[in-house]
C-alpha atoms as a PDB file:
ATOM      1  CA  MET A   1      15.427  19.182 -12.746  1.00  0.00           C
ATOM      2  CA  ARG A   2      11.897  19.561 -11.578  1.00  0.00           C
ATOM      3  CA  ARG A   3      10.319  17.236  -8.926  1.00  0.00           C
ATOM      4  CA  LEU A   4       7.172  15.558 -10.221  1.00  0.00           C
ATOM      5  CA  SER A   5       6.573  13.227  -7.073  1.00  0.00           C
ATOM      6  CA  SER A   6       5.128  14.540  -3.761  1.00  0.00           C
ATOM      7  CA  SER A   7       7.468  14.858  -0.833  1.00  0.00           C
ATOM      8  CA  ALA A   8       4.713  13.168   1.253  1.00  0.00           C
ATOM      9  CA  THR A   9       5.699   9.801  -0.153  1.00  0.00           C
ATOM     10  CA  PHE A  10       8.060   9.158   2.601  1.00  0.00           C
ATOM     11  CA  PHE A  11       5.105   9.596   5.037  1.00  0.00           C
ATOM     12  CA  TYR A  12       2.804   7.275   3.203  1.00  0.00           C
ATOM     13  CA  LYS A  13       5.278   4.540   2.706  1.00  0.00           C
ATOM     14  CA  ARG A  14       7.227   4.485   5.981  1.00  0.00           C
ATOM     15  CA  ILE A  15       5.540   6.444   8.666  1.00  0.00           C
ATOM     16  CA  PHE A  16       1.710   5.895   8.105  1.00  0.00           C
ATOM     17  CA  PRO A  17       1.880   2.042   7.991  1.00  0.00           C
ATOM     18  CA  TRP A  18       3.723   1.910  11.492  1.00  0.00           C
ATOM     19  CA  GLY A  19       1.231   4.420  12.843  1.00  0.00           C
ATOM     20  CA  TRP A  20      -1.708   2.367  11.481  1.00  0.00           C
ATOM     21  CA  PHE A  21      -0.454  -1.044  12.742  1.00  0.00           C
ATOM     22  CA  GLY A  22       0.719   0.335  15.886  1.00  0.00           C
ATOM     23  CA  PHE A  23      -2.718   1.907  16.801  1.00  0.00           C
ATOM     24  CA  VAL A  24      -4.582  -1.426  15.802  1.00  0.00           C
ATOM     25  CA  VAL A  25      -2.257  -3.439  18.072  1.00  0.00           C
ATOM     26  CA  LEU A  26      -2.671  -1.117  21.062  1.00  0.00           C
ATOM     27  CA  PHE A  27      -6.457  -1.301  20.341  1.00  0.00           C
ATOM     28  CA  ALA A  28      -6.310  -5.065  20.197  1.00  0.00           C
ATOM     29  CA  VAL A  29      -4.432  -5.170  23.593  1.00  0.00           C
ATOM     30  CA  LEU A  30      -5.936  -2.419  25.587  1.00  0.00           C
ATOM     31  CA  GLY A  31      -9.636  -3.195  24.601  1.00  0.00           C
ATOM     32  CA  PRO A  32      -9.777  -6.675  25.800  1.00  0.00           C
ATOM     33  CA  MET A  33      -7.790  -5.996  28.909  1.00  0.00           C
ATOM     34  CA  GLY A  34     -10.333  -3.315  30.104  1.00  0.00           C
ATOM     35  CA  ILE A  35     -13.214  -5.822  29.305  1.00  0.00           C
ATOM     36  CA  ALA A  36     -11.366  -8.545  31.193  1.00  0.00           C
ATOM     37  CA  ALA A  37     -10.628  -6.334  34.168  1.00  0.00           C
ATOM     38  CA  ASN A  38     -14.296  -5.156  34.347  1.00  0.00           C
ATOM     39  CA  ALA A  39     -15.888  -8.610  33.710  1.00  0.00           C
ATOM     40  CA  GLY A  40     -13.277 -10.615  35.368  1.00  0.00           C
ATOM     41  CA  ARG A  41     -13.152 -13.201  32.450  1.00  0.00           C
ATOM     42  CA  LEU A  42     -11.024 -13.034  29.360  1.00  0.00           C
ATOM     43  CA  GLN A  43     -13.480 -15.104  27.374  1.00  0.00           C
ATOM     44  CA  GLU A  44     -15.843 -12.276  26.989  1.00  0.00           C
ATOM     45  CA  ALA A  45     -13.057  -9.994  25.593  1.00  0.00           C
ATOM     46  CA  LEU A  46     -12.093 -12.372  22.713  1.00  0.00           C
ATOM     47  CA  PRO A  47     -14.984 -11.000  20.351  1.00  0.00           C
ATOM     48  CA  PHE A  48     -13.157  -7.731  20.551  1.00  0.00           C
ATOM     49  CA  LEU A  49     -10.046  -9.227  18.917  1.00  0.00           C
ATOM     50  CA  LEU A  50     -11.870 -10.116  15.716  1.00  0.00           C
ATOM     51  CA  MET A  51     -12.074  -6.435  14.677  1.00  0.00           C
ATOM     52  CA  PRO A  52      -8.468  -5.563  15.079  1.00  0.00           C
ATOM     53  CA  VAL A  53      -7.489  -8.638  13.189  1.00  0.00           C
ATOM     54  CA  ALA A  54      -9.817  -7.787  10.273  1.00  0.00           C
ATOM     55  CA  MET A  55      -8.453  -4.144  10.463  1.00  0.00           C
ATOM     56  CA  LEU A  56      -4.914  -5.467  10.385  1.00  0.00           C
ATOM     57  CA  VAL A  57      -5.689  -7.538   7.159  1.00  0.00           C
ATOM     58  CA  VAL A  58      -7.494  -4.811   5.485  1.00  0.00           C
ATOM     59  CA  GLY A  59      -4.646  -2.304   6.219  1.00  0.00           C
ATOM     60  CA  PHE A  60      -1.951  -4.763   5.115  1.00  0.00           C
ATOM     61  CA  LEU A  61      -3.862  -5.444   1.716  1.00  0.00           C
ATOM     62  CA  ILE A  62      -4.383  -1.506   1.285  1.00  0.00           C
ATOM     63  CA  TYR A  63      -0.677  -0.979   2.001  1.00  0.00           C
ATOM     64  CA  LYS A  64       0.391  -3.624  -0.523  1.00  0.00           C
ATOM     65  CA  THR A  65      -1.929  -2.716  -3.327  1.00  0.00           C
ATOM     66  CA  LEU A  66      -1.617   1.109  -3.001  1.00  0.00           C
ATOM     67  CA  LEU A  67       1.535   2.013  -1.206  1.00  0.00           C
ATOM     68  CA  ALA A  68       4.322  -0.530  -1.176  1.00  0.00           C
ATOM     69  CA  ASP A  69       5.062  -0.261  -4.923  1.00  0.00           C
ATOM     70  CA  LEU A  70       5.500   3.523  -4.879  1.00  0.00           C
ATOM     71  CA  VAL A  71       8.831   4.981  -5.956  1.00  0.00           C
ATOM     72  CA  ASP A  72      10.328   7.520  -3.655  1.00  0.00           C
ATOM     73  CA  GLU A  73      11.155  10.293  -6.160  1.00  0.00           C
ATOM     74  CA  VAL A  74      10.365  11.146  -9.792  1.00  0.00           C
ATOM     75  CA  TRP A  75      12.083  14.100 -11.449  1.00  0.00           C
ATOM     76  CA  LEU A  76      11.683  15.611 -14.822  1.00  0.00           C
ATOM     77  CA  ASP A  77      15.217  16.310 -16.474  1.00  0.00           C
ATOM     78  CA  GLY A  78      14.638  17.636 -19.981  1.00  0.00           C
ATOM     79  CA  ASP A  79      13.499  14.689 -22.087  1.00  0.00           C
ATOM     80  CA  ALA A  80      13.989  12.182 -19.479  1.00  0.00           C
ATOM     81  CA  LEU A  81      12.622  11.000 -16.070  1.00  0.00           C
ATOM     82  CA  VAL A  82      14.999  10.393 -13.148  1.00  0.00           C
ATOM     83  CA  VAL A  83      13.351   7.717 -10.908  1.00  0.00           C
ATOM     84  CA  LYS A  84      14.800   7.144  -7.356  1.00  0.00           C
ATOM     85  CA  ASN A  85      13.842   4.499  -4.988  1.00  0.00           C
ATOM     86  CA  ARG A  86      15.662   3.783  -1.808  1.00  0.00           C
ATOM     87  CA  GLN A  87      19.216   3.994  -2.726  1.00  0.00           C
ATOM     88  CA  GLN A  88      18.830   3.265  -6.507  1.00  0.00           C
ATOM     89  CA  GLN A  89      18.237   5.503  -9.443  1.00  0.00           C
ATOM     90  CA  VAL A  90      17.112   4.986 -13.030  1.00  0.00           C
ATOM     91  CA  ARG A  91      17.012   7.480 -15.953  1.00  0.00           C
ATOM     92  CA  VAL A  92      14.100   6.768 -18.290  1.00  0.00           C
ATOM     93  CA  ALA A  93      13.653   8.563 -21.634  1.00  0.00           C
ATOM     94  CA  LEU A  94      10.315  10.053 -22.230  1.00  0.00           C
ATOM     95  CA  GLY A  95       9.929   8.184 -25.452  1.00  0.00           C
ATOM     96  CA  GLU A  96      10.109   4.972 -23.378  1.00  0.00           C
ATOM     97  CA  VAL A  97       6.806   5.863 -21.709  1.00  0.00           C
ATOM     98  CA  ILE A  98       3.874   4.084 -23.488  1.00  0.00           C
ATOM     99  CA  ASN A  99       1.145   5.039 -21.086  1.00  0.00           C
ATOM    100  CA  VAL A 100       0.340   7.518 -18.217  1.00  0.00           C
ATOM    101  CA  ASP A 101      -2.337   6.155 -16.044  1.00  0.00           C
ATOM    102  CA  CYS A 102      -3.692   8.427 -13.169  1.00  0.00           C
ATOM    103  CA  ALA A 103      -6.111   7.482 -10.447  1.00  0.00           C
ATOM    104  CA  THR A 104      -7.652  10.787  -9.485  1.00  0.00           C
ATOM    105  CA  MET A 105     -10.238   9.350  -7.075  1.00  0.00           C
ATOM    106  CA  SER A 106      -7.852   7.673  -4.670  1.00  0.00           C
ATOM    107  CA  ASN A 107      -6.057   8.914  -1.886  1.00  0.00           C
ATOM    108  CA  PRO A 108      -3.252   9.472  -2.311  1.00  0.00           C
ATOM    109  CA  ARG A 109      -3.452  10.217  -5.905  1.00  0.00           C
ATOM    110  CA  ARG A 110      -1.382   7.946  -8.005  1.00  0.00           C
ATOM    111  CA  ILE A 111       0.231   8.180 -11.320  1.00  0.00           C
ATOM    112  CA  ILE A 112       1.446   4.963 -13.079  1.00  0.00           C
ATOM    113  CA  LEU A 113       3.965   5.189 -15.917  1.00  0.00           C
ATOM    114  CA  LYS A 114       4.041   2.117 -18.076  1.00  0.00           C
ATOM    115  CA  LEU A 115       7.332   1.682 -19.869  1.00  0.00           C
ATOM    116  CA  ARG A 116       8.287  -0.028 -23.280  1.00  0.00           C
ATOM    117  CA  HIS A 117      11.175  -1.920 -21.690  1.00  0.00           C
ATOM    118  CA  ASP A 118      12.029  -3.326 -18.165  1.00  0.00           C
ATOM    119  CA  THR A 119      14.056  -1.128 -15.751  1.00  0.00           C
ATOM    120  CA  ARG A 120      15.565  -1.918 -12.346  1.00  0.00           C
ATOM    121  CA  PHE A 121      12.114  -1.052 -10.971  1.00  0.00           C
ATOM    122  CA  GLY A 122      10.037  -3.077 -13.637  1.00  0.00           C
ATOM    123  CA  ARG A 123       7.952  -1.800 -16.375  1.00  0.00           C
ATOM    124  CA  ARG A 124       5.484   0.137 -14.039  1.00  0.00           C
ATOM    125  CA  ILE A 125       6.627   3.205 -12.277  1.00  0.00           C
ATOM    126  CA  PRO A 126       3.928   4.200  -9.755  1.00  0.00           C
ATOM    127  CA  PHE A 127       4.249   7.440  -7.783  1.00  0.00           C
ATOM    128  CA  ILE A 128       2.362  10.215  -5.858  1.00  0.00           C
ATOM    129  CA  PRO A 129       2.155  13.390  -7.880  1.00  0.00           C
ATOM    130  CA  ASN A 130       3.239  16.684  -6.531  1.00  0.00           C
ATOM    131  CA  SER A 131      -0.175  18.245  -7.771  1.00  0.00           C
ATOM    132  CA  PRO A 132      -2.400  20.826  -6.075  1.00  0.00           C
ATOM    133  CA  ARG A 133      -4.776  19.214  -3.655  1.00  0.00           C
ATOM    134  CA  GLY A 134      -8.265  20.166  -2.681  1.00  0.00           C
ATOM    135  CA  PHE A 135     -11.880  18.902  -2.973  1.00  0.00           C
ATOM    136  CA  LEU A 136     -12.389  19.895  -6.563  1.00  0.00           C
ATOM    137  CA  SER A 137      -9.078  18.552  -7.853  1.00  0.00           C
ATOM    138  CA  ALA A 138     -10.539  15.168  -7.449  1.00  0.00           C
ATOM    139  CA  PHE A 139     -12.744  15.805 -10.233  1.00  0.00           C
ATOM    140  CA  ARG A 140     -10.283  17.406 -12.685  1.00  0.00           C
ATOM    141  CA  SER A 141      -7.392  15.480 -14.705  1.00  0.00           C
ATOM    142  CA  ASP A 142      -3.970  15.746 -13.026  1.00  0.00           C
ATOM    143  CA  PRO A 143      -1.883  18.499 -14.393  1.00  0.00           C
ATOM    144  CA  ILE A 144       1.264  16.395 -14.144  1.00  0.00           C
ATOM    145  CA  ALA A 145      -0.120  13.527 -15.716  1.00  0.00           C
ATOM    146  CA  ASP A 146      -1.464  15.708 -18.729  1.00  0.00           C
ATOM    147  CA  GLU A 147       2.147  17.110 -19.059  1.00  0.00           C
ATOM    148  CA  LEU A 148       3.732  13.672 -19.109  1.00  0.00           C
ATOM    149  CA  ILE A 149       1.411  12.504 -21.755  1.00  0.00           C
ATOM    150  CA  GLU A 150       2.062  15.288 -23.919  1.00  0.00           C
ATOM    151  CA  ARG A 151       5.654  15.199 -23.341  1.00  0.00           C
ATOM    152  CA  ALA A 152       5.876  11.420 -23.955  1.00  0.00           C
ATOM    153  CA  ASP A 153       3.842  11.815 -27.143  1.00  0.00           C
ATOM    154  CA  ALA A 154       6.095  14.604 -28.394  1.00  0.00           C
ATOM    155  CA  ALA A 155       9.124  12.313 -27.611  1.00  0.00           C
ATOM    156  CA  ARG A 156       7.848   9.384 -29.433  1.00  0.00           C
ATOM    157  CA  ARG A 157       6.895  11.417 -32.646  1.00  0.00           C
ATOM    158  CA  SER A 158      10.501  12.926 -32.801  1.00  0.00           C
ATOM    159  CA  GLN A 159      11.972   9.532 -32.670  1.00  0.00           C
ATOM    160  CA  PRO A 160      12.929   8.110 -36.064  1.00  0.00           C
END
């Protein structure tokens, strides 16, 4: 078996959101406290609460859109994919993959597998590929996505 998903998925899904929201809350508490201590009035510090609230909302929307739906691990095992998320695991034949969509200009880069039938994780399997990183890699197609497209196509053609 070969791992297709990045080991950084744990960081993006579980550690980064806590760090982001913790920093914003710390900023929201300490900023107005410093202003109120210098000015003597809390009313002058209230406008500084608007930016952290906006950052919390935008951060939450980005998390829900780009990170919350990612599966933890995707492994290639012959003519099948083994998908793991939390304590659950699903095996998906490559012939079940009807589309491989890769977002190369996002950070983190995402691959979304669209499946013919529902699985425990739904018909869409999004994950962060274990691809080479770098500035120029953003302008190239993802090698893992390319390989999955070819292997899924070959698996569909070999089915009766």
